[in-house]
Amino acid sequence: MGARVTITFEGLETVLNNLTTIEEKAGENLVKQTKALSDDAKQVWKQGTPEGKTKRLRSEETSEPSGLSITFRSPTRYYVFVEKVHDTPRGWRTKRGYRLAKHRSHVAGREMTAKLVDFLKANTREYLSKFLDGV
């Protein structure tokens, strides 16, 4: 004795089409969420950066989202000195020889990059988990 069972799925094509649509929209939403994370992280970075006299340090900080990656840049050459703890120089070389500094001081670092990384660690999962919203 044998038995034959035939199963037919109704609406299977609709389900497959919906999965294809979800795949496309999910990719687009991931890129949008990465851009939103980039913008908010840039604001946090700028808030942690001292303004200074010229306001150059804060104004030159940029974030460039590209797909699912973000590049943060500060082309200001003295960014490293503001970022890390350091002592002011003992003196300078001039045309007339070495000139000692009148005062030396210990400059505390602002650790702007560490604050940015902490923000990204704390919020990346929250931002990127929203990629299926509205699909």
C-alpha atoms as a PDB file:
ATOM      1  CA  MET A   1       0.000   0.000   0.000  1.00  0.00           C
ATOM      2  CA  GLY A   2       1.318   3.449  -0.831  1.00  0.00           C
ATOM      3  CA  ALA A   3       0.144   6.964  -0.354  1.00  0.00           C
ATOM      4  CA  ARG A   4       0.918  10.031  -2.319  1.00  0.00           C
ATOM      5  CA  VAL A   5       0.636  13.471  -0.775  1.00  0.00           C
ATOM      6  CA  THR A   6       0.747  16.572  -2.909  1.00  0.00           C
ATOM      7  CA  ILE A   7       1.277  19.911  -1.214  1.00  0.00           C
ATOM      8  CA  THR A   8       0.607  23.112  -3.075  1.00  0.00           C
ATOM      9  CA  PHE A   9       1.573  26.517  -1.764  1.00  0.00           C
ATOM     10  CA  GLU A  10      -0.753  29.343  -2.593  1.00  0.00           C
ATOM     11  CA  GLY A  11       0.795  32.754  -2.675  1.00  0.00           C
ATOM     12  CA  LEU A  12       4.394  31.483  -2.713  1.00  0.00           C
ATOM     13  CA  GLU A  13       5.287  33.842  -5.558  1.00  0.00           C
ATOM     14  CA  THR A  14       3.960  36.781  -3.558  1.00  0.00           C
ATOM     15  CA  VAL A  15       6.089  35.796  -0.576  1.00  0.00           C
ATOM     16  CA  LEU A  16       9.203  35.495  -2.754  1.00  0.00           C
ATOM     17  CA  ASN A  17       8.516  38.876  -4.367  1.00  0.00           C
ATOM     18  CA  ASN A  18       8.080  40.424  -0.909  1.00  0.00           C
ATOM     19  CA  LEU A  19      11.409  38.939   0.210  1.00  0.00           C
ATOM     20  CA  THR A  20      13.120  40.447  -2.836  1.00  0.00           C
ATOM     21  CA  THR A  21      11.573  43.838  -2.041  1.00  0.00           C
ATOM     22  CA  ILE A  22      12.652  43.555   1.595  1.00  0.00           C
ATOM     23  CA  GLU A  23      16.190  42.718   0.503  1.00  0.00           C
ATOM     24  CA  GLU A  24      16.396  45.827  -1.695  1.00  0.00           C
ATOM     25  CA  LYS A  25      14.848  48.169   0.867  1.00  0.00           C
ATOM     26  CA  ALA A  26      16.910  46.734   3.739  1.00  0.00           C
ATOM     27  CA  GLY A  27      20.129  47.542   1.866  1.00  0.00           C
ATOM     28  CA  GLU A  28      18.972  51.091   1.173  1.00  0.00           C
ATOM     29  CA  ASN A  29      17.888  51.528   4.794  1.00  0.00           C
ATOM     30  CA  LEU A  30      21.272  50.307   6.066  1.00  0.00           C
ATOM     31  CA  VAL A  31      22.995  52.988   4.000  1.00  0.00           C
ATOM     32  CA  LYS A  32      20.549  55.637   5.319  1.00  0.00           C
ATOM     33  CA  GLN A  33      21.094  54.527   8.910  1.00  0.00           C
ATOM     34  CA  THR A  34      24.877  54.629   8.397  1.00  0.00           C
ATOM     35  CA  LYS A  35      24.536  58.205   7.126  1.00  0.00           C
ATOM     36  CA  ALA A  36      22.420  59.144  10.172  1.00  0.00           C
ATOM     37  CA  LEU A  37      24.997  57.556  12.499  1.00  0.00           C
ATOM     38  CA  SER A  38      27.735  59.465  10.687  1.00  0.00           C
ATOM     39  CA  ASP A  39      25.939  62.811  11.097  1.00  0.00           C
ATOM     40  CA  ASP A  40      25.204  62.290  14.790  1.00  0.00           C
ATOM     41  CA  ALA A  41      28.714  61.015  15.533  1.00  0.00           C
ATOM     42  CA  LYS A  42      30.165  64.053  13.785  1.00  0.00           C
ATOM     43  CA  GLN A  43      28.113  66.328  16.042  1.00  0.00           C
ATOM     44  CA  VAL A  44      29.339  64.474  19.142  1.00  0.00           C
ATOM     45  CA  TRP A  45      32.914  64.764  17.860  1.00  0.00           C
ATOM     46  CA  LYS A  46      32.542  68.499  17.279  1.00  0.00           C
ATOM     47  CA  GLN A  47      31.032  69.017  20.742  1.00  0.00           C
ATOM     48  CA  GLY A  48      34.032  67.283  22.320  1.00  0.00           C
ATOM     49  CA  THR A  49      36.514  69.378  20.350  1.00  0.00           C
ATOM     50  CA  PRO A  50      37.556  72.711  21.846  1.00  0.00           C
ATOM     51  CA  GLU A  51      36.689  75.724  19.730  1.00  0.00           C
ATOM     52  CA  GLY A  52      39.981  77.561  20.162  1.00  0.00           C
ATOM     53  CA  LYS A  53      40.856  81.032  18.937  1.00  0.00           C
ATOM     54  CA  THR A  54      40.739  80.328  15.212  1.00  0.00           C
ATOM     55  CA  LYS A  55      37.845  77.810  15.338  1.00  0.00           C
ATOM     56  CA  ARG A  56      39.759  75.886  12.684  1.00  0.00           C
ATOM     57  CA  LEU A  57      40.077  72.628  14.610  1.00  0.00           C
ATOM     58  CA  ARG A  58      36.334  72.128  14.977  1.00  0.00           C
ATOM     59  CA  SER A  59      35.390  73.425  11.520  1.00  0.00           C
ATOM     60  CA  GLU A  60      37.735  71.089   9.625  1.00  0.00           C
ATOM     61  CA  GLU A  61      36.430  67.866  11.182  1.00  0.00           C
ATOM     62  CA  THR A  62      34.530  65.829   8.596  1.00  0.00           C
ATOM     63  CA  SER A  63      32.738  62.518   8.361  1.00  0.00           C
ATOM     64  CA  GLU A  64      32.360  60.723   5.045  1.00  0.00           C
ATOM     65  CA  PRO A  65      29.880  57.838   4.947  1.00  0.00           C
ATOM     66  CA  SER A  66      30.406  55.433   2.077  1.00  0.00           C
ATOM     67  CA  GLY A  67      28.027  52.503   1.962  1.00  0.00           C
ATOM     68  CA  LEU A  68      28.364  50.785   5.331  1.00  0.00           C
ATOM     69  CA  SER A  69      31.607  52.483   6.366  1.00  0.00           C
ATOM     70  CA  ILE A  70      32.345  55.918   7.782  1.00  0.00           C
ATOM     71  CA  THR A  71      35.628  57.821   7.622  1.00  0.00           C
ATOM     72  CA  PHE A  72      36.275  60.576  10.152  1.00  0.00           C
ATOM     73  CA  ARG A  73      38.998  63.096   9.304  1.00  0.00           C
ATOM     74  CA  SER A  74      40.624  66.157  10.763  1.00  0.00           C
ATOM     75  CA  PRO A  75      43.294  67.585   8.462  1.00  0.00           C
ATOM     76  CA  THR A  76      44.368  70.157  11.039  1.00  0.00           C
ATOM     77  CA  ARG A  77      48.052  69.498  11.697  1.00  0.00           C
ATOM     78  CA  TYR A  78      47.885  70.307  15.420  1.00  0.00           C
ATOM     79  CA  TYR A  79      44.924  67.975  16.105  1.00  0.00           C
ATOM     80  CA  VAL A  80      47.288  65.427  17.676  1.00  0.00           C
ATOM     81  CA  PHE A  81      48.623  67.998  20.150  1.00  0.00           C
ATOM     82  CA  VAL A  82      45.137  68.906  21.327  1.00  0.00           C
ATOM     83  CA  GLU A  83      44.137  65.236  21.429  1.00  0.00           C
ATOM     84  CA  LYS A  84      46.986  63.931  23.583  1.00  0.00           C
ATOM     85  CA  VAL A  85      48.692  65.076  26.778  1.00  0.00           C
ATOM     86  CA  HIS A  86      51.916  66.983  26.098  1.00  0.00           C
ATOM     87  CA  ASP A  87      54.323  69.574  27.445  1.00  0.00           C
ATOM     88  CA  THR A  88      54.980  72.830  25.648  1.00  0.00           C
ATOM     89  CA  PRO A  89      58.406  73.027  23.981  1.00  0.00           C
ATOM     90  CA  ARG A  90      61.548  73.996  25.892  1.00  0.00           C
ATOM     91  CA  GLY A  91      62.500  76.429  23.203  1.00  0.00           C
ATOM     92  CA  TRP A  92      62.684  77.156  19.476  1.00  0.00           C
ATOM     93  CA  ARG A  93      65.362  77.270  16.860  1.00  0.00           C
ATOM     94  CA  THR A  94      65.642  80.731  15.362  1.00  0.00           C
ATOM     95  CA  LYS A  95      68.008  82.410  12.902  1.00  0.00           C
ATOM     96  CA  ARG A  96      70.075  83.605  15.857  1.00  0.00           C
ATOM     97  CA  GLY A  97      70.272  80.209  17.532  1.00  0.00           C
ATOM     98  CA  TYR A  98      68.261  78.313  20.106  1.00  0.00           C
ATOM     99  CA  ARG A  99      65.888  80.419  22.186  1.00  0.00           C
ATOM    100  CA  LEU A 100      64.576  79.077  25.494  1.00  0.00           C
ATOM    101  CA  ALA A 101      60.889  79.383  26.293  1.00  0.00           C
ATOM    102  CA  LYS A 102      59.989  81.746  29.135  1.00  0.00           C
ATOM    103  CA  HIS A 103      57.401  79.348  30.519  1.00  0.00           C
ATOM    104  CA  ARG A 104      56.693  75.675  30.025  1.00  0.00           C
ATOM    105  CA  SER A 105      53.413  74.087  30.819  1.00  0.00           C
ATOM    106  CA  HIS A 106      51.743  70.704  30.888  1.00  0.00           C
ATOM    107  CA  VAL A 107      48.780  70.598  28.506  1.00  0.00           C
ATOM    108  CA  ALA A 108      45.994  68.126  29.237  1.00  0.00           C
ATOM    109  CA  GLY A 109      44.677  66.129  26.305  1.00  0.00           C
ATOM    110  CA  ARG A 110      41.053  66.512  25.242  1.00  0.00           C
ATOM    111  CA  GLU A 111      40.681  62.923  23.963  1.00  0.00           C
ATOM    112  CA  MET A 112      38.176  63.861  21.242  1.00  0.00           C
ATOM    113  CA  THR A 113      38.798  60.653  19.289  1.00  0.00           C
ATOM    114  CA  ALA A 114      38.158  58.469  22.344  1.00  0.00           C
ATOM    115  CA  LYS A 115      34.821  60.226  22.923  1.00  0.00           C
ATOM    116  CA  LEU A 116      33.884  59.640  19.282  1.00  0.00           C
ATOM    117  CA  VAL A 117      34.786  55.940  19.492  1.00  0.00           C
ATOM    118  CA  ASP A 118      32.789  55.563  22.720  1.00  0.00           C
ATOM    119  CA  PHE A 119      29.743  57.103  21.026  1.00  0.00           C
ATOM    120  CA  LEU A 120      30.108  54.765  18.052  1.00  0.00           C
ATOM    121  CA  LYS A 121      30.474  51.699  20.284  1.00  0.00           C
ATOM    122  CA  ALA A 122      27.392  52.647  22.282  1.00  0.00           C
ATOM    123  CA  ASN A 123      25.126  53.562  19.352  1.00  0.00           C
ATOM    124  CA  THR A 124      26.074  51.591  16.233  1.00  0.00           C
ATOM    125  CA  ARG A 125      23.855  48.627  17.088  1.00  0.00           C
ATOM    126  CA  GLU A 126      20.899  50.913  17.870  1.00  0.00           C
ATOM    127  CA  TYR A 127      21.175  52.794  14.568  1.00  0.00           C
ATOM    128  CA  LEU A 128      21.766  49.789  12.324  1.00  0.00           C
ATOM    129  CA  SER A 129      19.064  47.666  13.967  1.00  0.00           C
ATOM    130  CA  LYS A 130      16.461  50.030  12.499  1.00  0.00           C
ATOM    131  CA  PHE A 131      17.168  48.926   8.915  1.00  0.00           C
ATOM    132  CA  LEU A 132      13.897  46.961   8.647  1.00  0.00           C
ATOM    133  CA  ASP A 133      11.715  49.818   9.881  1.00  0.00           C
ATOM    134  CA  GLY A 134       9.166  50.773   7.268  1.00  0.00           C
ATOM    135  CA  VAL A 135       9.829  47.763   5.027  1.00  0.00           C
END
